[in-house]
Each structure stands twice: as C-alpha cells, then as structure tokens.
C-alpha cells in the first residue's frame, strides 16, 4: 500500500487534548509509559524513538521511557509487547522485520495481524543503490548490463540476511532478470568498507553512513527504491523512473500497541505522533540520520503492514531465502 504525503500529515493539526476524546484518553497516561525499541542505542531507529519520546513526555506530561530490547531480528521486542498489558503502559516502535517474520519462521510467539494494534507509520529509511565512484557504473543500466555479462552476476553488500536491503536487492535481481549474490555484513558501515575497496559491485542500503563518502566523491548514488523521490537525497531517481515500477522497498518504523489497547489511547497517540512528525525540527533531525518521516492513520498503517507481509513473503519464496 502506498501512503502518499497528502495522507501522512492529515491529522497533524489535531490537538493532543481534544475534547472529543473519551475521558479515559484525556486522563491517559497517568504513569510512565514504556516505549520499547527493537534495536540498540545510537542507530537511526533508536534516535527517532528517543526524539519521539521527548516530544510525548513534553506534550502528555508523563515520562516515555525508552527500552532497547535487542536481538532475534526484532522478535524479542515484538514478543515482549505482544504479551504486555493492553492498557497503554507499553508501546513498541516496531520495525520492518515484524512484517516478514511469518514468512521466515514457522513458529512465531505472536501474530503480527492479531496481537498488535497499529498506531502510526513514523518513518521510512529509503534504500539507495550506491556504487564506487571509480567504477564504470554511471547509471542503473550500466550496472545491469555489467551484471548480465558476468557468469555469476552482481555482488551486493547488505547489513544482514532477510533485512530490508537484502530483500530489496533480491527484488532488483528478480525484476531485472540479473543474477546476483548478497554478501551480508555487520551493518551498513562494513558493507561500505568493502564497496570502497572494490570487493563488491554495489549496495542497496540507507544513505546516512555513505553520505560522507558521497560528498567526498568516492561513492555514487544511482537510484532510490521509494515510490517517489525522497527528501533525504532528492537527487536520486526512483527505480520507477528508470523503468522498474514495482521495485519499491525500504526500512520502516511505526508505533504499535498490544491488541486490545483502548481505541481512545490509540487515537491520542496517533494525534500526538502526527503532530510530532509534522514538526519541522523533528523532521530535520530524522532526515539527518537518513529517515523520512511519515504519519497517517492507524487504518493506513495496518493496511501497510499487511501489504508488506504479503509482498516480501513472495520475494522470500521466489529467492528461496532462509535464516538460521
């Protein structure tokens, strides 16, 4: 599901203390709220989580305590929140792997559609096709022609198996009918070390870590896998512009609560988050770490999660992706 900009910030002007909310929501929160992050401190996801927690504390009058529950491809954090009290005391800043788990793991301790109440899509991490600037690849077409001419195709660096960059690169191989191999590293930085050394052909990853090398003329951006050009790096054409209309993929984040959380709490959090994501300072801080703020309604986010689960399940099956 494509969430267009005109939909994203539609609720941003709504006041947090709206008189139309039920009394429960107007009184909530009455105690600190745990805001669980599935990633470690210091990364883009954690930075955005803490930016939002600061905003919520200021506007809602209670601490929003960030808890980093790292591991198992976000499954540890997801399970914790799926089975937490459904009273607004625990929220999850979910990430893209929550939507692909059912295609990778036969026995998950939660159901992404039944055990969570979507609140809002907070941001995406656009994925950029990046090559070494000293290579002969000036365009996407150059890279694909080269890949078709190689017996083993292209080599891509990714920050981990079944990550959004890995799956989006596999989608590129499928869409272009070019053979390719994903080499998995511990994060984007390691992949860029290999790309700069000329040991891999390209990466399809977030841009924050690469930006100093791009500005120094050592790396070149060929495309971005978003629906439309992104404010994170507007110079990059989309794959859609370059003849691949279905090649869309990115990391993403969004707030969810345990299923059964009162609708009034979901509504109040949605209104507050939309207001935060419309704030110019917050948007600038998010873009500085390679994130594009979003927003929208709970229903839009629920539909997006469902569409992501279905889309990537097809890619996982087609590329025969498994994880240990």
C-alpha atoms as a PDB file:
ATOM      1  CA  UNK A   1       0.000   0.000   0.000  1.00  0.00           C
ATOM      2  CA  UNK A   2       1.402   3.413  -0.960  1.00  0.00           C
ATOM      3  CA  UNK A   3       0.923   6.065   1.712  1.00  0.00           C
ATOM      4  CA  UNK A   4       1.056   9.390  -0.082  1.00  0.00           C
ATOM      5  CA  UNK A   5       2.319  12.555   1.531  1.00  0.00           C
ATOM      6  CA  UNK A   6      -1.133  14.166   1.496  1.00  0.00           C
ATOM      7  CA  UNK A   7      -2.368  11.380   3.737  1.00  0.00           C
ATOM      8  CA  UNK A   8       0.583  11.321   6.075  1.00  0.00           C
ATOM      9  CA  UNK A   9       0.121  14.514   8.000  1.00  0.00           C
ATOM     10  CA  UNK A  10      -3.638  14.880   7.716  1.00  0.00           C
ATOM     11  CA  UNK A  11      -4.160  14.535  11.441  1.00  0.00           C
ATOM     12  CA  UNK A  12      -1.155  16.573  12.473  1.00  0.00           C
ATOM     13  CA  UNK A  13      -3.124  19.675  13.409  1.00  0.00           C
ATOM     14  CA  UNK A  14      -5.330  17.820  15.868  1.00  0.00           C
ATOM     15  CA  UNK A  15      -4.740  18.964  19.437  1.00  0.00           C
ATOM     16  CA  UNK A  16      -3.499  16.389  21.910  1.00  0.00           C
ATOM     17  CA  UNK A  17      -6.122  17.269  24.464  1.00  0.00           C
ATOM     18  CA  UNK A  18      -9.052  17.217  22.065  1.00  0.00           C
ATOM     19  CA  UNK A  19     -12.374  17.428  23.858  1.00  0.00           C
ATOM     20  CA  UNK A  20     -13.829  14.798  21.525  1.00  0.00           C
ATOM     21  CA  UNK A  21     -11.697  12.097  23.136  1.00  0.00           C
ATOM     22  CA  UNK A  22     -13.273   9.878  25.813  1.00  0.00           C
ATOM     23  CA  UNK A  23     -12.457  10.683  29.420  1.00  0.00           C
ATOM     24  CA  UNK A  24     -10.079   7.709  29.668  1.00  0.00           C
ATOM     25  CA  UNK A  25      -7.879   9.081  26.897  1.00  0.00           C
ATOM     26  CA  UNK A  26      -7.924  12.595  28.326  1.00  0.00           C
ATOM     27  CA  UNK A  27      -6.626  11.158  31.612  1.00  0.00           C
ATOM     28  CA  UNK A  28      -4.073   8.878  29.979  1.00  0.00           C
ATOM     29  CA  UNK A  29      -1.226   8.477  30.676  1.00  0.00           C
ATOM     30  CA  UNK A  30      -1.301   8.596  34.460  1.00  0.00           C
ATOM     31  CA  UNK A  31       2.036   6.789  34.841  1.00  0.00           C
ATOM     32  CA  UNK A  32       5.261   6.401  32.861  1.00  0.00           C
ATOM     33  CA  UNK A  33       4.924   4.645  29.505  1.00  0.00           C
ATOM     34  CA  UNK A  34       7.467   2.068  28.324  1.00  0.00           C
ATOM     35  CA  UNK A  35       8.475   2.684  24.713  1.00  0.00           C
ATOM     36  CA  UNK A  36      10.226  -0.461  23.505  1.00  0.00           C
ATOM     37  CA  UNK A  37      12.789  -0.284  20.684  1.00  0.00           C
ATOM     38  CA  UNK A  38      13.919  -3.478  18.927  1.00  0.00           C
ATOM     39  CA  UNK A  39      17.343  -2.030  18.108  1.00  0.00           C
ATOM     40  CA  UNK A  40      20.355  -0.908  20.101  1.00  0.00           C
ATOM     41  CA  UNK A  41      21.206   2.588  21.229  1.00  0.00           C
ATOM     42  CA  UNK A  42      22.734   5.008  18.754  1.00  0.00           C
ATOM     43  CA  UNK A  43      21.208   3.814  15.483  1.00  0.00           C
ATOM     44  CA  UNK A  44      18.680   5.686  13.377  1.00  0.00           C
ATOM     45  CA  UNK A  45      15.732   3.763  14.854  1.00  0.00           C
ATOM     46  CA  UNK A  46      16.842   4.454  18.422  1.00  0.00           C
ATOM     47  CA  UNK A  47      17.468   8.122  17.657  1.00  0.00           C
ATOM     48  CA  UNK A  48      13.959   8.559  16.242  1.00  0.00           C
ATOM     49  CA  UNK A  49      12.469   6.638  19.181  1.00  0.00           C
ATOM     50  CA  UNK A  50      14.148   9.000  21.630  1.00  0.00           C
ATOM     51  CA  UNK A  51      13.158  12.088  19.654  1.00  0.00           C
ATOM     52  CA  UNK A  52       9.532  10.974  19.808  1.00  0.00           C
ATOM     53  CA  UNK A  53       9.745  10.015  23.479  1.00  0.00           C
ATOM     54  CA  UNK A  54      10.970  13.521  24.327  1.00  0.00           C
ATOM     55  CA  UNK A  55       8.062  15.028  22.423  1.00  0.00           C
ATOM     56  CA  UNK A  56       5.489  12.755  24.044  1.00  0.00           C
ATOM     57  CA  UNK A  57       6.830  13.491  27.522  1.00  0.00           C
ATOM     58  CA  UNK A  58       6.531  17.220  26.903  1.00  0.00           C
ATOM     59  CA  UNK A  59       3.023  17.043  25.451  1.00  0.00           C
ATOM     60  CA  UNK A  60       1.479  14.268  27.530  1.00  0.00           C
ATOM     61  CA  UNK A  61       3.001  15.018  30.912  1.00  0.00           C
ATOM     62  CA  UNK A  62       4.445  11.598  31.721  1.00  0.00           C
ATOM     63  CA  UNK A  63       7.845  10.030  31.077  1.00  0.00           C
ATOM     64  CA  UNK A  64       8.114   7.838  27.984  1.00  0.00           C
ATOM     65  CA  UNK A  65      10.940   5.517  28.949  1.00  0.00           C
ATOM     66  CA  UNK A  66      12.841   4.010  26.002  1.00  0.00           C
ATOM     67  CA  UNK A  67      13.792   0.355  26.498  1.00  0.00           C
ATOM     68  CA  UNK A  68      16.158  -1.241  23.979  1.00  0.00           C
ATOM     69  CA  UNK A  69      15.252  -4.922  23.669  1.00  0.00           C
ATOM     70  CA  UNK A  70      17.710  -6.124  21.048  1.00  0.00           C
ATOM     71  CA  UNK A  71      18.002  -9.458  19.313  1.00  0.00           C
ATOM     72  CA  UNK A  72      16.491 -12.221  17.183  1.00  0.00           C
ATOM     73  CA  UNK A  73      15.729  -9.914  14.287  1.00  0.00           C
ATOM     74  CA  UNK A  74      13.415  -7.730  16.448  1.00  0.00           C
ATOM     75  CA  UNK A  75      11.467 -10.785  17.679  1.00  0.00           C
ATOM     76  CA  UNK A  76      12.459 -10.288  21.327  1.00  0.00           C
ATOM     77  CA  UNK A  77      10.964  -6.797  21.456  1.00  0.00           C
ATOM     78  CA  UNK A  78       7.944  -7.829  19.398  1.00  0.00           C
ATOM     79  CA  UNK A  79       7.113 -10.741  21.701  1.00  0.00           C
ATOM     80  CA  UNK A  80       7.507  -8.622  24.818  1.00  0.00           C
ATOM     81  CA  UNK A  81       4.975  -6.056  23.612  1.00  0.00           C
ATOM     82  CA  UNK A  82       2.598  -8.607  22.058  1.00  0.00           C
ATOM     83  CA  UNK A  83       2.077 -10.120  25.523  1.00  0.00           C
ATOM     84  CA  UNK A  84       2.229  -6.888  27.537  1.00  0.00           C
ATOM     85  CA  UNK A  85      -0.807  -5.372  29.321  1.00  0.00           C
ATOM     86  CA  UNK A  86      -3.194  -3.756  26.829  1.00  0.00           C
ATOM     87  CA  UNK A  87      -3.655  -0.616  28.886  1.00  0.00           C
ATOM     88  CA  UNK A  88      -1.405   1.903  27.144  1.00  0.00           C
ATOM     89  CA  UNK A  89       1.511   1.319  29.515  1.00  0.00           C
ATOM     90  CA  UNK A  90       3.695  -0.401  26.909  1.00  0.00           C
ATOM     91  CA  UNK A  91       4.210   0.564  23.259  1.00  0.00           C
ATOM     92  CA  UNK A  92       6.545  -0.743  20.556  1.00  0.00           C
ATOM     93  CA  UNK A  93       8.415   1.284  17.971  1.00  0.00           C
ATOM     94  CA  UNK A  94       8.201  -1.579  15.504  1.00  0.00           C
ATOM     95  CA  UNK A  95      10.495  -2.085  12.529  1.00  0.00           C
ATOM     96  CA  UNK A  96      10.160  -3.705   9.108  1.00  0.00           C
ATOM     97  CA  UNK A  97      11.187  -7.239  10.210  1.00  0.00           C
ATOM     98  CA  UNK A  98       7.944  -7.567  12.165  1.00  0.00           C
ATOM     99  CA  UNK A  99       6.109  -7.910   8.831  1.00  0.00           C
ATOM    100  CA  UNK A 100       8.372 -10.564   7.308  1.00  0.00           C
ATOM    101  CA  UNK A 101       8.758 -12.870  10.287  1.00  0.00           C
ATOM    102  CA  UNK A 102       5.824 -15.095   9.389  1.00  0.00           C
ATOM    103  CA  UNK A 103       7.469 -15.935   6.044  1.00  0.00           C
ATOM    104  CA  UNK A 104      10.797 -16.821   7.673  1.00  0.00           C
ATOM    105  CA  UNK A 105       9.931 -18.512  10.950  1.00  0.00           C
ATOM    106  CA  UNK A 106       7.376 -21.340  11.195  1.00  0.00           C
ATOM    107  CA  UNK A 107       6.600 -20.817  14.885  1.00  0.00           C
ATOM    108  CA  UNK A 108       6.483 -17.204  15.961  1.00  0.00           C
ATOM    109  CA  UNK A 109       5.262 -16.468  19.517  1.00  0.00           C
ATOM    110  CA  UNK A 110       2.953 -13.761  18.181  1.00  0.00           C
ATOM    111  CA  UNK A 111       0.760 -12.975  15.185  1.00  0.00           C
ATOM    112  CA  UNK A 112       1.575  -9.653  13.536  1.00  0.00           C
ATOM    113  CA  UNK A 113      -2.056  -9.118  12.500  1.00  0.00           C
ATOM    114  CA  UNK A 114      -3.805 -10.324  15.661  1.00  0.00           C
ATOM    115  CA  UNK A 115      -1.518  -9.413  18.552  1.00  0.00           C
ATOM    116  CA  UNK A 116      -0.814  -5.749  17.790  1.00  0.00           C
ATOM    117  CA  UNK A 117      -2.859  -2.584  17.406  1.00  0.00           C
ATOM    118  CA  UNK A 118      -1.194  -0.341  14.776  1.00  0.00           C
ATOM    119  CA  UNK A 119      -0.968   3.324  15.743  1.00  0.00           C
ATOM    120  CA  UNK A 120       1.040   5.141  13.089  1.00  0.00           C
ATOM    121  CA  UNK A 121       3.796   4.815  10.498  1.00  0.00           C
ATOM    122  CA  UNK A 122       6.550   7.051  11.859  1.00  0.00           C
ATOM    123  CA  UNK A 123       9.281   6.934   9.216  1.00  0.00           C
ATOM    124  CA  UNK A 124      10.922   5.042   6.415  1.00  0.00           C
ATOM    125  CA  UNK A 125      14.624   4.517   5.788  1.00  0.00           C
ATOM    126  CA  UNK A 126      14.948   4.941   1.999  1.00  0.00           C
ATOM    127  CA  UNK A 127      17.294   2.458   0.351  1.00  0.00           C
ATOM    128  CA  UNK A 128      19.730   3.800  -2.222  1.00  0.00           C
ATOM    129  CA  UNK A 129      21.599   1.914  -4.931  1.00  0.00           C
ATOM    130  CA  UNK A 130      25.200   3.004  -4.385  1.00  0.00           C
ATOM    131  CA  UNK A 131      28.366   2.118  -6.294  1.00  0.00           C
ATOM    132  CA  UNK A 132      32.027   3.012  -6.105  1.00  0.00           C
ATOM    133  CA  UNK A 133      32.550   6.316  -7.907  1.00  0.00           C
ATOM    134  CA  UNK A 134      35.688   4.968  -9.556  1.00  0.00           C
ATOM    135  CA  UNK A 135      33.684   2.201 -11.258  1.00  0.00           C
ATOM    136  CA  UNK A 136      32.312   2.432 -14.782  1.00  0.00           C
ATOM    137  CA  UNK A 137      28.730   2.404 -13.476  1.00  0.00           C
ATOM    138  CA  UNK A 138      27.299   5.831 -14.191  1.00  0.00           C
ATOM    139  CA  UNK A 139      23.668   4.648 -14.426  1.00  0.00           C
ATOM    140  CA  UNK A 140      21.468   1.762 -13.351  1.00  0.00           C
ATOM    141  CA  UNK A 141      21.539   0.495 -16.924  1.00  0.00           C
ATOM    142  CA  UNK A 142      25.352   0.379 -16.829  1.00  0.00           C
ATOM    143  CA  UNK A 143      25.273  -1.758 -13.692  1.00  0.00           C
ATOM    144  CA  UNK A 144      22.640  -4.162 -15.001  1.00  0.00           C
ATOM    145  CA  UNK A 145      24.404  -4.603 -18.359  1.00  0.00           C
ATOM    146  CA  UNK A 146      27.584  -5.439 -16.498  1.00  0.00           C
ATOM    147  CA  UNK A 147      25.746  -7.928 -14.307  1.00  0.00           C
ATOM    148  CA  UNK A 148      24.207  -9.691 -17.288  1.00  0.00           C
ATOM    149  CA  UNK A 149      27.646 -10.077 -18.822  1.00  0.00           C
ATOM    150  CA  UNK A 150      29.132 -11.739 -15.739  1.00  0.00           C
ATOM    151  CA  UNK A 151      28.804 -15.515 -15.250  1.00  0.00           C
ATOM    152  CA  UNK A 152      27.922 -15.023 -11.573  1.00  0.00           C
ATOM    153  CA  UNK A 153      26.096 -11.715 -11.939  1.00  0.00           C
ATOM    154  CA  UNK A 154      26.410  -8.881  -9.425  1.00  0.00           C
ATOM    155  CA  UNK A 155      27.637  -8.849  -5.825  1.00  0.00           C
ATOM    156  CA  UNK A 156      25.728  -6.662  -3.375  1.00  0.00           C
ATOM    157  CA  UNK A 157      26.588  -5.830   0.216  1.00  0.00           C
ATOM    158  CA  UNK A 158      23.764  -5.900   2.761  1.00  0.00           C
ATOM    159  CA  UNK A 159      23.601  -5.384   6.540  1.00  0.00           C
ATOM    160  CA  UNK A 160      22.155  -8.840   7.213  1.00  0.00           C
ATOM    161  CA  UNK A 161      20.153 -11.768   5.898  1.00  0.00           C
ATOM    162  CA  UNK A 162      16.438 -11.041   5.346  1.00  0.00           C
ATOM    163  CA  UNK A 163      16.957  -7.359   6.139  1.00  0.00           C
ATOM    164  CA  UNK A 164      15.114  -4.761   4.067  1.00  0.00           C
ATOM    165  CA  UNK A 165      18.277  -4.054   2.000  1.00  0.00           C
ATOM    166  CA  UNK A 166      18.759  -7.778   1.348  1.00  0.00           C
ATOM    167  CA  UNK A 167      15.143  -8.316   0.276  1.00  0.00           C
ATOM    168  CA  UNK A 168      15.076  -5.182  -1.876  1.00  0.00           C
ATOM    169  CA  UNK A 169      18.269  -6.268  -3.642  1.00  0.00           C
ATOM    170  CA  UNK A 170      16.679  -9.664  -4.295  1.00  0.00           C
ATOM    171  CA  UNK A 171      13.668  -7.854  -5.732  1.00  0.00           C
ATOM    172  CA  UNK A 172      16.038  -5.965  -8.056  1.00  0.00           C
ATOM    173  CA  UNK A 173      17.600  -9.241  -9.228  1.00  0.00           C
ATOM    174  CA  UNK A 174      14.141 -10.716  -9.876  1.00  0.00           C
ATOM    175  CA  UNK A 175      12.806  -7.601 -11.625  1.00  0.00           C
ATOM    176  CA  UNK A 176      15.853  -7.084 -13.850  1.00  0.00           C
ATOM    177  CA  UNK A 177      16.487 -10.789 -14.506  1.00  0.00           C
ATOM    178  CA  UNK A 178      20.103 -10.290 -13.458  1.00  0.00           C
ATOM    179  CA  UNK A 179      21.815 -12.888 -11.302  1.00  0.00           C
ATOM    180  CA  UNK A 180      23.113 -11.599  -8.018  1.00  0.00           C
ATOM    181  CA  UNK A 181      24.679 -12.552  -4.719  1.00  0.00           C
ATOM    182  CA  UNK A 182      24.035 -10.750  -1.452  1.00  0.00           C
ATOM    183  CA  UNK A 183      27.027 -10.673   0.865  1.00  0.00           C
ATOM    184  CA  UNK A 184      25.961  -9.999   4.453  1.00  0.00           C
ATOM    185  CA  UNK A 185      27.961  -7.766   6.768  1.00  0.00           C
ATOM    186  CA  UNK A 186      27.523  -6.460  10.285  1.00  0.00           C
ATOM    187  CA  UNK A 187      25.791  -3.234   9.408  1.00  0.00           C
ATOM    188  CA  UNK A 188      25.968  -0.656   6.632  1.00  0.00           C
ATOM    189  CA  UNK A 189      29.411   0.637   7.579  1.00  0.00           C
ATOM    190  CA  UNK A 190      31.108  -2.707   6.942  1.00  0.00           C
ATOM    191  CA  UNK A 191      29.383  -3.028   3.561  1.00  0.00           C
ATOM    192  CA  UNK A 192      30.659   0.410   2.548  1.00  0.00           C
ATOM    193  CA  UNK A 193      34.232  -0.520   3.514  1.00  0.00           C
ATOM    194  CA  UNK A 194      34.005  -3.408   1.054  1.00  0.00           C
ATOM    195  CA  UNK A 195      32.403  -1.243  -1.621  1.00  0.00           C
ATOM    196  CA  UNK A 196      35.103   1.408  -1.289  1.00  0.00           C
ATOM    197  CA  UNK A 197      37.725  -1.313  -1.588  1.00  0.00           C
ATOM    198  CA  UNK A 198      36.134  -2.579  -4.801  1.00  0.00           C
ATOM    199  CA  UNK A 199      35.371  -6.043  -3.423  1.00  0.00           C
ATOM    200  CA  UNK A 200      31.619  -5.824  -4.162  1.00  0.00           C
ATOM    201  CA  UNK A 201      29.750  -4.169  -7.025  1.00  0.00           C
ATOM    202  CA  UNK A 202      27.090  -2.214  -5.147  1.00  0.00           C
ATOM    203  CA  UNK A 203      24.970  -1.783  -2.063  1.00  0.00           C
ATOM    204  CA  UNK A 204      21.268  -1.045  -1.719  1.00  0.00           C
ATOM    205  CA  UNK A 205      21.181   0.434   1.757  1.00  0.00           C
ATOM    206  CA  UNK A 206      20.349   3.533   3.750  1.00  0.00           C
ATOM    207  CA  UNK A 207      22.432   6.568   2.961  1.00  0.00           C
ATOM    208  CA  UNK A 208      23.457   8.137   6.273  1.00  0.00           C
ATOM    209  CA  UNK A 209      26.691   6.144   6.665  1.00  0.00           C
ATOM    210  CA  UNK A 210      27.575   6.621   3.000  1.00  0.00           C
ATOM    211  CA  UNK A 211      26.955  10.364   2.864  1.00  0.00           C
ATOM    212  CA  UNK A 212      30.494  11.497   3.801  1.00  0.00           C
ATOM    213  CA  UNK A 213      31.888   9.267   1.040  1.00  0.00           C
ATOM    214  CA  UNK A 214      29.292  10.557  -1.444  1.00  0.00           C
ATOM    215  CA  UNK A 215      30.192  14.161  -0.641  1.00  0.00           C
ATOM    216  CA  UNK A 216      33.875  13.289  -0.998  1.00  0.00           C
ATOM    217  CA  UNK A 217      33.254  11.881  -4.471  1.00  0.00           C
ATOM    218  CA  UNK A 218      34.161   8.316  -3.519  1.00  0.00           C
ATOM    219  CA  UNK A 219      30.682   6.793  -3.843  1.00  0.00           C
ATOM    220  CA  UNK A 220      27.961   7.390  -6.440  1.00  0.00           C
ATOM    221  CA  UNK A 221      24.169   7.111  -5.998  1.00  0.00           C
ATOM    222  CA  UNK A 222      22.310   5.559  -8.935  1.00  0.00           C
ATOM    223  CA  UNK A 223      18.722   5.188  -7.668  1.00  0.00           C
ATOM    224  CA  UNK A 224      16.393   5.041  -4.680  1.00  0.00           C
ATOM    225  CA  UNK A 225      13.755   2.371  -4.031  1.00  0.00           C
ATOM    226  CA  UNK A 226      10.956   4.626  -2.795  1.00  0.00           C
ATOM    227  CA  UNK A 227       7.640   5.347  -4.529  1.00  0.00           C
ATOM    228  CA  UNK A 228       8.649   8.963  -5.110  1.00  0.00           C
ATOM    229  CA  UNK A 229      11.918  10.875  -4.807  1.00  0.00           C
ATOM    230  CA  UNK A 230      12.821  11.346  -1.179  1.00  0.00           C
ATOM    231  CA  UNK A 231      13.727  14.459   0.750  1.00  0.00           C
ATOM    232  CA  UNK A 232      16.630  12.518   2.279  1.00  0.00           C
ATOM    233  CA  UNK A 233      18.503  12.734  -1.065  1.00  0.00           C
ATOM    234  CA  UNK A 234      16.247  14.192  -3.774  1.00  0.00           C
ATOM    235  CA  UNK A 235      18.904  13.962  -6.494  1.00  0.00           C
ATOM    236  CA  UNK A 236      18.429  10.193  -6.733  1.00  0.00           C
ATOM    237  CA  UNK A 237      15.876   8.996  -9.324  1.00  0.00           C
ATOM    238  CA  UNK A 238      13.480   6.274  -8.282  1.00  0.00           C
ATOM    239  CA  UNK A 239      13.615   2.804  -9.820  1.00  0.00           C
ATOM    240  CA  UNK A 240      10.103   3.585 -11.081  1.00  0.00           C
ATOM    241  CA  UNK A 241      11.515   6.483 -13.089  1.00  0.00           C
ATOM    242  CA  UNK A 242      14.138   4.127 -14.503  1.00  0.00           C
ATOM    243  CA  UNK A 243      11.684   1.534 -15.778  1.00  0.00           C
ATOM    244  CA  UNK A 244      11.021  -0.694 -12.752  1.00  0.00           C
ATOM    245  CA  UNK A 245       7.561   0.309 -11.487  1.00  0.00           C
ATOM    246  CA  UNK A 246       7.310  -2.446  -8.871  1.00  0.00           C
ATOM    247  CA  UNK A 247      10.751  -2.026  -7.374  1.00  0.00           C
ATOM    248  CA  UNK A 248       9.904  -0.401  -4.055  1.00  0.00           C
ATOM    249  CA  UNK A 249      11.479  -1.322  -0.758  1.00  0.00           C
ATOM    250  CA  UNK A 250      12.757   0.380   2.368  1.00  0.00           C
ATOM    251  CA  UNK A 251      13.272   0.008   6.059  1.00  0.00           C
ATOM    252  CA  UNK A 252      10.401   1.361   8.079  1.00  0.00           C
ATOM    253  CA  UNK A 253       9.285   2.116  11.619  1.00  0.00           C
ATOM    254  CA  UNK A 254       5.954   2.635  13.315  1.00  0.00           C
ATOM    255  CA  UNK A 255       4.231   2.646  16.677  1.00  0.00           C
ATOM    256  CA  UNK A 256       2.079  -0.291  17.725  1.00  0.00           C
ATOM    257  CA  UNK A 257       0.398  -1.297  20.987  1.00  0.00           C
ATOM    258  CA  UNK A 258      -0.717  -4.673  22.305  1.00  0.00           C
ATOM    259  CA  UNK A 259      -4.002  -5.770  20.737  1.00  0.00           C
ATOM    260  CA  UNK A 260      -6.933  -4.722  22.884  1.00  0.00           C
ATOM    261  CA  UNK A 261      -5.427  -1.383  23.899  1.00  0.00           C
ATOM    262  CA  UNK A 262      -8.348   1.082  24.231  1.00  0.00           C
ATOM    263  CA  UNK A 263      -9.155   2.866  20.993  1.00  0.00           C
ATOM    264  CA  UNK A 264      -9.026   6.196  22.815  1.00  0.00           C
ATOM    265  CA  UNK A 265      -5.355   5.617  23.661  1.00  0.00           C
ATOM    266  CA  UNK A 266      -4.589   4.647  20.065  1.00  0.00           C
ATOM    267  CA  UNK A 267      -6.309   7.808  18.852  1.00  0.00           C
ATOM    268  CA  UNK A 268      -4.473  10.067  21.270  1.00  0.00           C
ATOM    269  CA  UNK A 269      -1.105   8.557  20.420  1.00  0.00           C
ATOM    270  CA  UNK A 270      -1.875   8.831  16.716  1.00  0.00           C
ATOM    271  CA  UNK A 271      -2.732  12.508  17.033  1.00  0.00           C
ATOM    272  CA  UNK A 272       0.357  13.193  19.111  1.00  0.00           C
ATOM    273  CA  UNK A 273       2.666  11.334  16.741  1.00  0.00           C
ATOM    274  CA  UNK A 274       1.220  13.070  13.672  1.00  0.00           C
ATOM    275  CA  UNK A 275       1.856  16.417  15.350  1.00  0.00           C
ATOM    276  CA  UNK A 276       5.411  15.383  16.194  1.00  0.00           C
ATOM    277  CA  UNK A 277       6.139  14.182  12.659  1.00  0.00           C
ATOM    278  CA  UNK A 278       4.845  17.462  11.231  1.00  0.00           C
ATOM    279  CA  UNK A 279       7.246  19.453  13.410  1.00  0.00           C
ATOM    280  CA  UNK A 280       9.978  20.981  11.245  1.00  0.00           C
ATOM    281  CA  UNK A 281      12.721  20.454  13.831  1.00  0.00           C
ATOM    282  CA  UNK A 282      11.847  16.803  14.310  1.00  0.00           C
ATOM    283  CA  UNK A 283      11.703  16.228  10.557  1.00  0.00           C
ATOM    284  CA  UNK A 284      15.155  17.796  10.149  1.00  0.00           C
ATOM    285  CA  UNK A 285      16.610  15.638  12.928  1.00  0.00           C
ATOM    286  CA  UNK A 286      15.121  12.496  11.393  1.00  0.00           C
ATOM    287  CA  UNK A 287      16.391  13.304   7.899  1.00  0.00           C
ATOM    288  CA  UNK A 288      19.875  13.875   9.331  1.00  0.00           C
ATOM    289  CA  UNK A 289      20.055  10.152  10.171  1.00  0.00           C
ATOM    290  CA  UNK A 290      18.630   9.055   6.816  1.00  0.00           C
ATOM    291  CA  UNK A 291      14.969   8.775   7.783  1.00  0.00           C
ATOM    292  CA  UNK A 292      11.938  10.218   6.007  1.00  0.00           C
ATOM    293  CA  UNK A 293       9.094  10.997   8.464  1.00  0.00           C
ATOM    294  CA  UNK A 294       5.646   9.710   7.569  1.00  0.00           C
ATOM    295  CA  UNK A 295       2.418   9.761   9.566  1.00  0.00           C
ATOM    296  CA  UNK A 296      -1.187   8.864   8.768  1.00  0.00           C
ATOM    297  CA  UNK A 297      -3.983   6.897  10.403  1.00  0.00           C
ATOM    298  CA  UNK A 298      -3.991   3.581  12.278  1.00  0.00           C
ATOM    299  CA  UNK A 299      -6.011   2.018   9.455  1.00  0.00           C
ATOM    300  CA  UNK A 300      -3.447   3.107   6.860  1.00  0.00           C
ATOM    301  CA  UNK A 301      -0.625   1.659   8.927  1.00  0.00           C
ATOM    302  CA  UNK A 302      -2.473  -1.631   9.445  1.00  0.00           C
ATOM    303  CA  UNK A 303      -3.036  -1.955   5.699  1.00  0.00           C
ATOM    304  CA  UNK A 304       0.621  -1.124   5.044  1.00  0.00           C
ATOM    305  CA  UNK A 305       1.854  -3.832   7.434  1.00  0.00           C
ATOM    306  CA  UNK A 306      -0.434  -6.383   5.797  1.00  0.00           C
ATOM    307  CA  UNK A 307       0.738  -5.423   2.300  1.00  0.00           C
ATOM    308  CA  UNK A 308       4.394  -5.608   3.365  1.00  0.00           C
ATOM    309  CA  UNK A 309       3.901  -9.090   4.823  1.00  0.00           C
ATOM    310  CA  UNK A 310       2.331 -10.371   1.601  1.00  0.00           C
ATOM    311  CA  UNK A 311       4.828  -8.637  -0.706  1.00  0.00           C
ATOM    312  CA  UNK A 312       8.001  -9.852   0.987  1.00  0.00           C
ATOM    313  CA  UNK A 313       6.665 -13.358   1.531  1.00  0.00           C
ATOM    314  CA  UNK A 314       6.567 -13.691  -2.275  1.00  0.00           C
ATOM    315  CA  UNK A 315      10.153 -12.445  -2.610  1.00  0.00           C
ATOM    316  CA  UNK A 316      11.353 -14.760   0.165  1.00  0.00           C
ATOM    317  CA  UNK A 317       9.774 -17.755  -1.541  1.00  0.00           C
ATOM    318  CA  UNK A 318      10.999 -16.748  -5.003  1.00  0.00           C
ATOM    319  CA  UNK A 319      14.590 -16.189  -3.828  1.00  0.00           C
ATOM    320  CA  UNK A 320      14.470 -19.257  -1.541  1.00  0.00           C
ATOM    321  CA  UNK A 321      15.651 -17.188   1.436  1.00  0.00           C
ATOM    322  CA  UNK A 322      16.110 -18.958   4.743  1.00  0.00           C
ATOM    323  CA  UNK A 323      17.635 -17.897   8.042  1.00  0.00           C
ATOM    324  CA  UNK A 324      19.403 -19.956  10.648  1.00  0.00           C
END
